[in-house]
Amino acid sequence: MDEPETTQVALKEYDAATNMTEQIGALAALVQNPGDLRNEVLSKFYEQWKKEPLVRDDKWVYLPYIY
């Protein structure tokens, strides 16, 4: 997903998401590209959801590696 237009669509979807499931969908696309945007969005996701057991115990740990 190394195309700027596709990345912007995924970022808009991430920002418009109303729940963790929607964010994970967009995040799965965004984490495919290494770099500052990836790190920024992963940090933002973690900060938003870090108190949720799914994030602490499952999704957060594996997300950067499974996509």
Protein backbone atom coordinates (compact mmCIF):
# COMPACT_ATOMS: atom_id res chain seq x y z
CA MET A 1 0.00 0.00 0.00
CA ASP A 2 2.75 2.39 -0.89
CA GLU A 3 0.50 4.76 -2.80
CA PRO A 4 -0.20 8.18 -1.28
CA GLU A 5 -3.84 8.25 -2.39
CA THR A 6 -4.58 4.87 -0.83
CA THR A 7 -2.78 5.85 2.35
CA GLN A 8 -4.88 9.01 2.61
CA VAL A 9 -8.10 7.00 2.18
CA ALA A 10 -7.03 4.62 4.95
CA LEU A 11 -6.09 7.56 7.19
CA LYS A 12 -9.46 9.21 6.61
CA GLU A 13 -11.19 5.93 7.46
CA TYR A 14 -9.12 5.64 10.62
CA ASP A 15 -9.96 9.19 11.70
CA ALA A 16 -13.67 8.72 10.93
CA ALA A 17 -13.93 5.38 12.75
CA THR A 18 -16.39 5.26 15.60
CA ASN A 19 -15.11 2.10 17.29
CA MET A 20 -12.06 -0.11 17.69
CA THR A 21 -13.13 -2.56 14.98
CA GLU A 22 -13.33 0.17 12.36
CA GLN A 23 -10.00 1.60 13.45
CA ILE A 24 -8.33 -1.83 13.28
CA GLY A 25 -9.52 -2.19 9.70
CA ALA A 26 -7.93 1.07 8.64
CA LEU A 27 -4.89 0.51 10.82
CA ALA A 28 -4.26 -2.84 9.15
CA ALA A 29 -3.75 -0.97 5.89
CA LEU A 30 -1.71 1.85 7.41
CA VAL A 31 0.82 -0.36 9.22
CA GLN A 32 1.94 -1.96 5.97
CA ASN A 33 4.19 1.02 5.29
CA PRO A 34 7.08 1.68 7.63
CA GLY A 35 7.71 5.25 8.65
CA ASP A 36 6.50 8.15 10.71
CA LEU A 37 2.82 7.84 9.77
CA ARG A 38 2.78 4.20 10.81
CA ASN A 39 4.40 4.99 14.15
CA GLU A 40 2.12 7.97 14.74
CA VAL A 41 -1.08 6.04 14.05
CA LEU A 42 0.02 3.04 16.13
CA SER A 43 0.80 5.36 19.05
CA LYS A 44 -2.52 7.16 18.65
CA PHE A 45 -4.40 3.85 18.59
CA TYR A 46 -2.61 2.59 21.67
CA GLU A 47 -3.23 5.77 23.64
CA GLN A 48 -6.92 5.69 22.79
CA TRP A 49 -7.48 2.03 23.60
CA LYS A 50 -4.74 1.08 26.08
CA LYS A 51 -7.22 0.46 28.90
CA GLU A 52 -9.11 -2.11 26.86
CA PRO A 53 -8.08 -5.71 27.59
CA LEU A 54 -8.17 -6.65 23.90
CA VAL A 55 -5.55 -4.06 23.12
CA ARG A 56 -3.34 -4.79 26.09
CA ASP A 57 -3.47 -8.54 25.64
CA ASP A 58 -3.97 -9.19 21.96
CA LYS A 59 -4.43 -6.68 19.18
CA TRP A 60 -1.76 -4.18 20.14
CA VAL A 61 0.96 -6.79 20.54
CA TYR A 62 0.39 -8.50 17.20
CA LEU A 63 -0.93 -5.75 14.93
CA PRO A 64 2.41 -4.49 13.60
CA TYR A 65 3.45 -8.06 12.73
CA ILE A 66 0.36 -9.61 11.18
CA TYR A 67 -0.23 -7.09 8.42
